Amino acid sequence: MEFLKQLIFYLTFASLGFTITDIYLRANKLWKRKHDKTVAESISITAMFVSIVPGSVFTLNYLFVGQWQGFIQEALYLLLVTFNISVGIELWVPGERHKSFFTLLKQALNLERKEVGDLAIALFKPPQHKTIIDILCQIALIDERLDERERKFIDTFAQKWGIEFSWNML
């Protein structure tokens, strides 16, 4: 059992090499593209800030319990997160460099706020969304007149799901 503990101890130190390689490769990929606005906008600033919380807690925990391998690994990942944040707020994008850190951060968070539901809508948008609109329209017109509340409901549904819809097509 002691041999296994010793082996794992050395393997954790060896795995720091993999961590350093991982971080280098991630940062290197971003480093070449850090001037590209599209690349900067593809980084979720909110996710980066959310990852700082557990990363910091684990880093401090590893420090307090004297687990140096974990401490070093988490500290390195926190550096990567910091680099991701600086790229994500467009710090190196031409035309944005004259702005303050907090202005850039506010812009990035506003952009992300507008896009926050895009993935959920794409994942949960029913494949028969046009059929659903047709059914809703048929139900609304069952009495052969379109009430303004019915029209508003259908318009809101179509808009929320990103469905192109025109009443002229009906």
Foldseek 3Di string as FASTA:
>chain_A
DVVVVVVVLVVLVVCVVVLVVVLVVVVVVCVVVLQPLVLLLVQQLVVLVVVVVVLVVQLVVCVVVVVVSSNVSSVSVNVSSVSSNCSNLSCNHPPCVVDDPVVSVVVSVVSCVVCVCVVVLVVPVDPCNVVVLVVLVCVCCVVPDHDPVSVVVSVVSCVVSVHDDDPVVD
